[in-house]
C-alpha atoms as a PDB file:
ATOM      1  CA  MET A   1      76.957 152.648 104.270  1.00  0.00           C
ATOM      2  CA  LEU A   2      75.373 156.050 104.074  1.00  0.00           C
ATOM      3  CA  ALA A   3      72.278 154.693 105.755  1.00  0.00           C
ATOM      4  CA  ARG A   4      74.300 153.453 108.690  1.00  0.00           C
ATOM      5  CA  GLU A   5      76.248 156.694 109.146  1.00  0.00           C
ATOM      6  CA  HIS A   6      73.549 159.306 108.738  1.00  0.00           C
ATOM      7  CA  PRO A   7      69.926 159.984 109.382  1.00  0.00           C
ATOM      8  CA  ALA A   8      67.615 158.805 106.510  1.00  0.00           C
ATOM      9  CA  PHE A   9      67.033 162.078 104.761  1.00  0.00           C
ATOM     10  CA  GLU A  10      70.698 163.107 105.003  1.00  0.00           C
ATOM     11  CA  ALA A  11      71.765 159.718 103.699  1.00  0.00           C
ATOM     12  CA  LEU A  12      69.277 160.109 100.737  1.00  0.00           C
ATOM     13  CA  THR A  13      70.559 163.631  99.987  1.00  0.00           C
ATOM     14  CA  ARG A  14      74.170 162.716 100.188  1.00  0.00           C
ATOM     15  CA  TRP A  15      73.407 159.666  97.791  1.00  0.00           C
ATOM     16  CA  LEU A  16      71.644 161.932  95.282  1.00  0.00           C
ATOM     17  CA  HIS A  17      74.477 164.426  95.345  1.00  0.00           C
ATOM     18  CA  ARG A  18      77.125 161.636  94.676  1.00  0.00           C
ATOM     19  CA  PHE A  19      74.931 160.349  91.771  1.00  0.00           C
ATOM     20  CA  THR A  20      74.715 163.937  90.453  1.00  0.00           C
ATOM     21  CA  SER A  21      78.439 164.405  90.714  1.00  0.00           C
ATOM     22  CA  LEU A  22      79.085 161.149  88.905  1.00  0.00           C
ATOM     23  CA  THR A  23      76.557 161.924  86.226  1.00  0.00           C
ATOM     24  CA  ALA A  24      77.869 165.559  85.771  1.00  0.00           C
ATOM     25  CA  THR A  25      81.549 164.417  85.901  1.00  0.00           C
ATOM     26  CA  LYS A  26      81.192 161.909  83.231  1.00  0.00           C
ATOM     27  CA  ARG A  27      80.107 164.563  80.714  1.00  0.00           C
ATOM     28  CA  GLY A  28      78.316 162.259  78.221  1.00  0.00           C
ATOM     29  CA  LEU A  29      76.715 159.962  80.883  1.00  0.00           C
ATOM     30  CA  ALA A  30      73.489 162.031  81.351  1.00  0.00           C
ATOM     31  CA  ALA A  31      72.964 162.311  77.576  1.00  0.00           C
ATOM     32  CA  SER A  32      73.805 158.561  77.166  1.00  0.00           C
ATOM     33  CA  LEU A  33      71.314 157.613  79.708  1.00  0.00           C
ATOM     34  CA  ASN A  34      68.563 159.538  77.880  1.00  0.00           C
ATOM     35  CA  ALA A  35      69.682 158.572  74.360  1.00  0.00           C
ATOM     36  CA  ARG A  36      67.644 156.468  72.012  1.00  0.00           C
ATOM     37  CA  ASP A  37      70.774 155.242  70.182  1.00  0.00           C
ATOM     38  CA  PRO A  38      70.934 151.481  70.412  1.00  0.00           C
ATOM     39  CA  THR A  39      74.608 151.802  71.357  1.00  0.00           C
ATOM     40  CA  TYR A  40      73.524 152.896  74.748  1.00  0.00           C
ATOM     41  CA  GLN A  41      70.513 150.718  75.258  1.00  0.00           C
ATOM     42  CA  SER A  42      71.944 148.611  77.953  1.00  0.00           C
ATOM     43  CA  LEU A  43      73.156 151.617  80.031  1.00  0.00           C
ATOM     44  CA  PRO A  44      69.780 152.635  81.569  1.00  0.00           C
ATOM     45  CA  GLU A  45      69.245 149.021  82.602  1.00  0.00           C
ATOM     46  CA  TYR A  46      72.672 148.628  84.126  1.00  0.00           C
ATOM     47  CA  PHE A  47      71.907 151.775  86.185  1.00  0.00           C
ATOM     48  CA  ARG A  48      68.465 150.410  87.209  1.00  0.00           C
ATOM     49  CA  GLN A  49      69.934 147.108  88.422  1.00  0.00           C
ATOM     50  CA  HIS A  50      72.839 148.673  90.358  1.00  0.00           C
ATOM     51  CA  LEU A  51      71.520 151.954  91.680  1.00  0.00           C
ATOM     52  CA  GLU A  52      67.739 151.628  91.860  1.00  0.00           C
ATOM     53  CA  PRO A  53      67.688 149.196  94.768  1.00  0.00           C
ATOM     54  CA  ALA A  54      70.066 151.373  96.877  1.00  0.00           C
ATOM     55  CA  LEU A  55      67.976 154.528  96.154  1.00  0.00           C
ATOM     56  CA  GLN A  56      64.710 152.672  96.822  1.00  0.00           C
ATOM     57  CA  SER A  57      66.112 151.649 100.172  1.00  0.00           C
ATOM     58  CA  LEU A  58      67.135 155.198 101.171  1.00  0.00           C
ATOM     59  CA  LEU A  59      63.789 156.574  99.809  1.00  0.00           C
ATOM     60  CA  ALA A  60      61.793 154.008 101.868  1.00  0.00           C
ATOM     61  CA  ALA A  61      63.834 154.879 105.019  1.00  0.00           C
ATOM     62  CA  ALA A  62      63.222 158.677 104.625  1.00  0.00           C
ATOM     63  CA  ALA A  63      59.510 158.050 103.923  1.00  0.00           C
ATOM     64  CA  ALA A  64      59.132 155.812 106.952  1.00  0.00           C
ATOM     65  CA  GLU A  65      60.450 158.752 109.035  1.00  0.00           C
ATOM     66  CA  GLY A  66      58.094 161.133 107.340  1.00  0.00           C
ATOM     67  CA  GLN A  67      60.847 163.128 105.773  1.00  0.00           C
ATOM     68  CA  VAL A  68      59.867 162.604 102.144  1.00  0.00           C
ATOM     69  CA  ARG A  69      56.581 161.800 100.483  1.00  0.00           C
ATOM     70  CA  GLY A  70      55.996 158.113 100.000  1.00  0.00           C
ATOM     71  CA  ASP A  71      54.939 157.937  96.402  1.00  0.00           C
ATOM     72  CA  VAL A  72      58.315 158.592  94.884  1.00  0.00           C
ATOM     73  CA  ASP A  73      59.661 155.827  92.631  1.00  0.00           C
ATOM     74  CA  ALA A  74      63.455 155.386  92.686  1.00  0.00           C
ATOM     75  CA  TYR A  75      63.592 154.903  88.919  1.00  0.00           C
ATOM     76  CA  GLU A  76      61.696 158.096  88.240  1.00  0.00           C
ATOM     77  CA  LEU A  77      64.079 159.983  90.611  1.00  0.00           C
ATOM     78  CA  LEU A  78      67.081 158.481  88.827  1.00  0.00           C
ATOM     79  CA  ARG A  79      65.917 159.633  85.541  1.00  0.00           C
ATOM     80  CA  GLY A  80      64.934 163.036  86.916  1.00  0.00           C
ATOM     81  CA  VAL A  81      68.447 163.555  88.334  1.00  0.00           C
ATOM     82  CA  ALA A  82      69.999 162.327  84.943  1.00  0.00           C
ATOM     83  CA  ASN A  83      67.661 164.786  82.960  1.00  0.00           C
ATOM     84  CA  LEU A  84      68.977 167.697  85.200  1.00  0.00           C
ATOM     85  CA  CYS A  85      72.620 166.632  84.598  1.00  0.00           C
ATOM     86  CA  VAL A  86      72.386 166.993  80.781  1.00  0.00           C
ATOM     87  CA  PRO A  87      74.912 169.749  80.041  1.00  0.00           C
ATOM     88  CA  VAL A  88      73.462 173.070  79.105  1.00  0.00           C
ATOM     89  CA  ALA A  89      75.868 175.560  77.546  1.00  0.00           C
ATOM     90  CA  GLU A  90      74.296 178.781  78.759  1.00  0.00           C
ATOM     91  CA  VAL A  91      74.395 177.915  82.466  1.00  0.00           C
ATOM     92  CA  GLY A  92      77.270 177.837  84.999  1.00  0.00           C
ATOM     93  CA  PRO A  93      78.804 174.730  86.637  1.00  0.00           C
ATOM     94  CA  GLY A  94      76.681 175.142  89.869  1.00  0.00           C
ATOM     95  CA  HIS A  95      73.366 174.975  87.937  1.00  0.00           C
ATOM     96  CA  THR A  96      73.012 171.228  88.111  1.00  0.00           C
ATOM     97  CA  GLN A  97      73.506 171.006  91.852  1.00  0.00           C
ATOM     98  CA  ARG A  98      71.104 173.788  92.321  1.00  0.00           C
ATOM     99  CA  MET A  99      68.474 172.021  90.340  1.00  0.00           C
ATOM    100  CA  VAL A 100      68.970 168.709  92.193  1.00  0.00           C
ATOM    101  CA  ASP A 101      68.711 170.603  95.531  1.00  0.00           C
ATOM    102  CA  LEU A 102      65.373 171.894  94.273  1.00  0.00           C
ATOM    103  CA  LEU A 103      64.387 168.449  93.304  1.00  0.00           C
ATOM    104  CA  ILE A 104      65.331 167.176  96.759  1.00  0.00           C
ATOM    105  CA  ASP A 105      63.342 169.897  98.431  1.00  0.00           C
ATOM    106  CA  GLY A 106      60.394 168.802  96.363  1.00  0.00           C
ATOM    107  CA  LEU A 107      60.638 165.315  97.768  1.00  0.00           C
ATOM    108  CA  ARG A 108      59.580 166.893 101.010  1.00  0.00           C
ATOM    109  CA  TYR A 109      56.330 168.304  99.719  1.00  0.00           C
ATOM    110  CA  GLY A 110      53.420 166.303 100.981  1.00  0.00           C
ATOM    111  CA  ALA A 111      55.530 164.473 103.502  1.00  0.00           C
ATOM    112  CA  PRO A 112      53.878 164.045 106.935  1.00  0.00           C
ATOM    113  CA  GLY A 113      56.877 165.315 108.732  1.00  0.00           C
ATOM    114  CA  PRO A 114      58.953 163.591 111.523  1.00  0.00           C
ATOM    115  CA  ARG A 115      57.120 161.094 113.550  1.00  0.00           C
ATOM    116  CA  ARG A 116      56.657 162.300 117.034  1.00  0.00           C
ATOM    117  CA  VAL A 117      56.165 159.960 119.929  1.00  0.00           C
ATOM    118  CA  ARG A 118      53.471 161.292 122.333  1.00  0.00           C
ATOM    119  CA  PRO A 119      54.617 161.619 125.974  1.00  0.00           C
ATOM    120  CA  GLY A 120      53.706 158.471 127.809  1.00  0.00           C
ATOM    121  CA  ALA A 121      53.092 156.504 124.684  1.00  0.00           C
ATOM    122  CA  LEU A 122      56.105 154.260 125.370  1.00  0.00           C
ATOM    123  CA  ARG A 123      55.002 153.077 128.662  1.00  0.00           C
END
């Protein structure tokens, strides 16, 4: 849905912010995703099966447009965001969103930039 309504990089950014909000809102989710406790063993796999394909599609579209680097793995990005969402007592509520914004900015590092069509190339 996001990919149909927004340019590729914006769709990716919105998706990551929604995932961040979900993970931060469900206070124990980020910790559970990173836990070694057998009780939560199936949780990372559930997220991989349901979220990784959508994120991979958004990453591929943004990379195809030159907006993000092409070597980013959806699973690594999911784990990175989940790690940033682990509650930390000494920081304020906006900290997680700021860290995810920095991560999103980092996706652009090394990207070739928007593809430009040379004048006359479409003739």
